[in-house]
Amino acid sequence: MAKKQINVRVDEAVYEGIEERAAAVGMEVNEYARQLLADEANDLRHRFLVAGDHFVGEWAEHFDARFGADGHGAAAAAGKDRRAA
């Protein structure tokens, strides 16, 4: 497959952020940027993220009611309160 080259200029702060993230996953900056761009161009990934966003929009309220918005389990805590009473 033929390769195309993209040159992108970013602010120093943006570059430092990219550099830190690349180092955190053990990649060189160019490799990390290449992977990010490939992921962004991936239609299947895009459709998955859109579907995930739709799912969250439809079901977030139900999850919050069942598990609590704080992530500690509102329903489980309510169950403990009922047993103690």
C-alpha atoms as a PDB file:
ATOM      1  CA  MET A   1       0.000   0.000   0.000  1.00  0.00           C
ATOM      2  CA  ALA A   2       1.328   3.452  -0.877  1.00  0.00           C
ATOM      3  CA  LYS A   3       2.123   5.678   2.070  1.00  0.00           C
ATOM      4  CA  LYS A   4       1.170   9.346   2.297  1.00  0.00           C
ATOM      5  CA  GLN A   5       2.892  11.866   4.506  1.00  0.00           C
ATOM      6  CA  ILE A   6       1.110  14.434   6.683  1.00  0.00           C
ATOM      7  CA  ASN A   7       2.939  17.296   8.364  1.00  0.00           C
ATOM      8  CA  VAL A   8       1.107  18.843  11.287  1.00  0.00           C
ATOM      9  CA  ARG A   9       2.223  21.788  13.382  1.00  0.00           C
ATOM     10  CA  VAL A  10       1.005  21.925  16.972  1.00  0.00           C
ATOM     11  CA  ASP A  11       1.663  24.199  19.922  1.00  0.00           C
ATOM     12  CA  GLU A  12       4.464  23.194  22.252  1.00  0.00           C
ATOM     13  CA  ALA A  13       1.996  22.328  25.030  1.00  0.00           C
ATOM     14  CA  VAL A  14       0.053  20.044  22.695  1.00  0.00           C
ATOM     15  CA  TYR A  15       3.254  18.336  21.584  1.00  0.00           C
ATOM     16  CA  GLU A  16       4.324  17.796  25.193  1.00  0.00           C
ATOM     17  CA  GLY A  17       0.959  16.212  25.957  1.00  0.00           C
ATOM     18  CA  ILE A  18       1.276  13.903  22.954  1.00  0.00           C
ATOM     19  CA  GLU A  19       4.842  13.079  23.934  1.00  0.00           C
ATOM     20  CA  GLU A  20       3.775  12.170  27.490  1.00  0.00           C
ATOM     21  CA  ARG A  21       0.940   9.958  26.300  1.00  0.00           C
ATOM     22  CA  ALA A  22       3.158   8.238  23.755  1.00  0.00           C
ATOM     23  CA  ALA A  23       5.782   7.539  26.421  1.00  0.00           C
ATOM     24  CA  ALA A  24       3.092   6.204  28.769  1.00  0.00           C
ATOM     25  CA  VAL A  25       2.166   3.517  26.241  1.00  0.00           C
ATOM     26  CA  GLY A  26       5.760   2.862  25.173  1.00  0.00           C
ATOM     27  CA  MET A  27       5.530   4.415  21.721  1.00  0.00           C
ATOM     28  CA  GLU A  28       7.480   7.026  19.797  1.00  0.00           C
ATOM     29  CA  VAL A  29       5.587  10.263  19.079  1.00  0.00           C
ATOM     30  CA  ASN A  30       5.352   9.553  15.319  1.00  0.00           C
ATOM     31  CA  GLU A  31       4.070   6.024  15.922  1.00  0.00           C
ATOM     32  CA  TYR A  32       1.561   7.258  18.504  1.00  0.00           C
ATOM     33  CA  ALA A  33       0.283  10.004  16.170  1.00  0.00           C
ATOM     34  CA  ARG A  34       0.028   7.505  13.303  1.00  0.00           C
ATOM     35  CA  GLN A  35      -2.054   5.185  15.481  1.00  0.00           C
ATOM     36  CA  LEU A  36      -4.341   8.013  16.625  1.00  0.00           C
ATOM     37  CA  LEU A  37      -4.977   9.073  13.052  1.00  0.00           C
ATOM     38  CA  ALA A  38      -5.567   5.482  11.933  1.00  0.00           C
ATOM     39  CA  ASP A  39      -8.043   4.999  14.793  1.00  0.00           C
ATOM     40  CA  GLU A  40      -9.834   8.218  13.885  1.00  0.00           C
ATOM     41  CA  ALA A  41     -10.160   7.110  10.248  1.00  0.00           C
ATOM     42  CA  ASN A  42     -11.520   3.684  11.241  1.00  0.00           C
ATOM     43  CA  ASP A  43     -15.212   3.593  10.309  1.00  0.00           C
ATOM     44  CA  LEU A  44     -15.982   0.589  12.515  1.00  0.00           C
ATOM     45  CA  ARG A  45     -14.479   2.350  15.536  1.00  0.00           C
ATOM     46  CA  HIS A  46     -16.436   5.499  14.709  1.00  0.00           C
ATOM     47  CA  ARG A  47     -19.706   3.560  14.504  1.00  0.00           C
ATOM     48  CA  PHE A  48     -18.915   1.822  17.809  1.00  0.00           C
ATOM     49  CA  LEU A  49     -18.301   5.156  19.553  1.00  0.00           C
ATOM     50  CA  VAL A  50     -21.499   6.655  18.125  1.00  0.00           C
ATOM     51  CA  ALA A  51     -23.456   3.606  19.287  1.00  0.00           C
ATOM     52  CA  GLY A  52     -21.836   3.837  22.731  1.00  0.00           C
ATOM     53  CA  ASP A  53     -22.777   7.499  22.972  1.00  0.00           C
ATOM     54  CA  HIS A  54     -26.347   6.644  21.994  1.00  0.00           C
ATOM     55  CA  PHE A  55     -26.457   3.852  24.612  1.00  0.00           C
ATOM     56  CA  VAL A  56     -25.233   6.221  27.324  1.00  0.00           C
ATOM     57  CA  GLY A  57     -27.827   8.791  26.299  1.00  0.00           C
ATOM     58  CA  GLU A  58     -30.598   6.223  26.517  1.00  0.00           C
ATOM     59  CA  TRP A  59     -29.546   4.332  29.645  1.00  0.00           C
ATOM     60  CA  ALA A  60     -27.394   6.639  31.834  1.00  0.00           C
ATOM     61  CA  GLU A  61     -30.354   7.642  33.987  1.00  0.00           C
ATOM     62  CA  HIS A  62     -31.209   3.981  34.646  1.00  0.00           C
ATOM     63  CA  PHE A  63     -27.595   3.172  35.551  1.00  0.00           C
ATOM     64  CA  ASP A  64     -27.477   6.158  37.902  1.00  0.00           C
ATOM     65  CA  ALA A  65     -30.721   5.024  39.556  1.00  0.00           C
ATOM     66  CA  ARG A  66     -29.422   1.476  39.984  1.00  0.00           C
ATOM     67  CA  PHE A  67     -25.751   2.060  40.769  1.00  0.00           C
ATOM     68  CA  GLY A  68     -25.637   5.705  41.822  1.00  0.00           C
ATOM     69  CA  ALA A  69     -24.052   8.590  40.030  1.00  0.00           C
ATOM     70  CA  ASP A  70     -21.088   8.428  42.423  1.00  0.00           C
ATOM     71  CA  GLY A  71     -20.286   4.863  41.311  1.00  0.00           C
ATOM     72  CA  HIS A  72     -20.675   3.384  44.790  1.00  0.00           C
ATOM     73  CA  GLY A  73     -23.959   1.613  44.168  1.00  0.00           C
ATOM     74  CA  ALA A  74     -27.009   3.563  45.286  1.00  0.00           C
ATOM     75  CA  ALA A  75     -29.243   0.495  45.069  1.00  0.00           C
ATOM     76  CA  ALA A  76     -26.782  -1.640  47.032  1.00  0.00           C
ATOM     77  CA  ALA A  77     -26.544   1.047  49.723  1.00  0.00           C
ATOM     78  CA  ALA A  78     -30.320   1.285  49.855  1.00  0.00           C
ATOM     79  CA  GLY A  79     -30.493  -2.498  50.270  1.00  0.00           C
ATOM     80  CA  LYS A  80     -28.128  -2.327  53.249  1.00  0.00           C
ATOM     81  CA  ASP A  81     -30.250   0.395  54.821  1.00  0.00           C
ATOM     82  CA  ARG A  82     -33.365  -1.775  54.519  1.00  0.00           C
ATOM     83  CA  ARG A  83     -31.638  -4.720  56.199  1.00  0.00           C
ATOM     84  CA  ALA A  84     -30.451  -2.552  59.075  1.00  0.00           C
ATOM     85  CA  ALA A  85     -33.963  -1.244  59.749  1.00  0.00           C
END
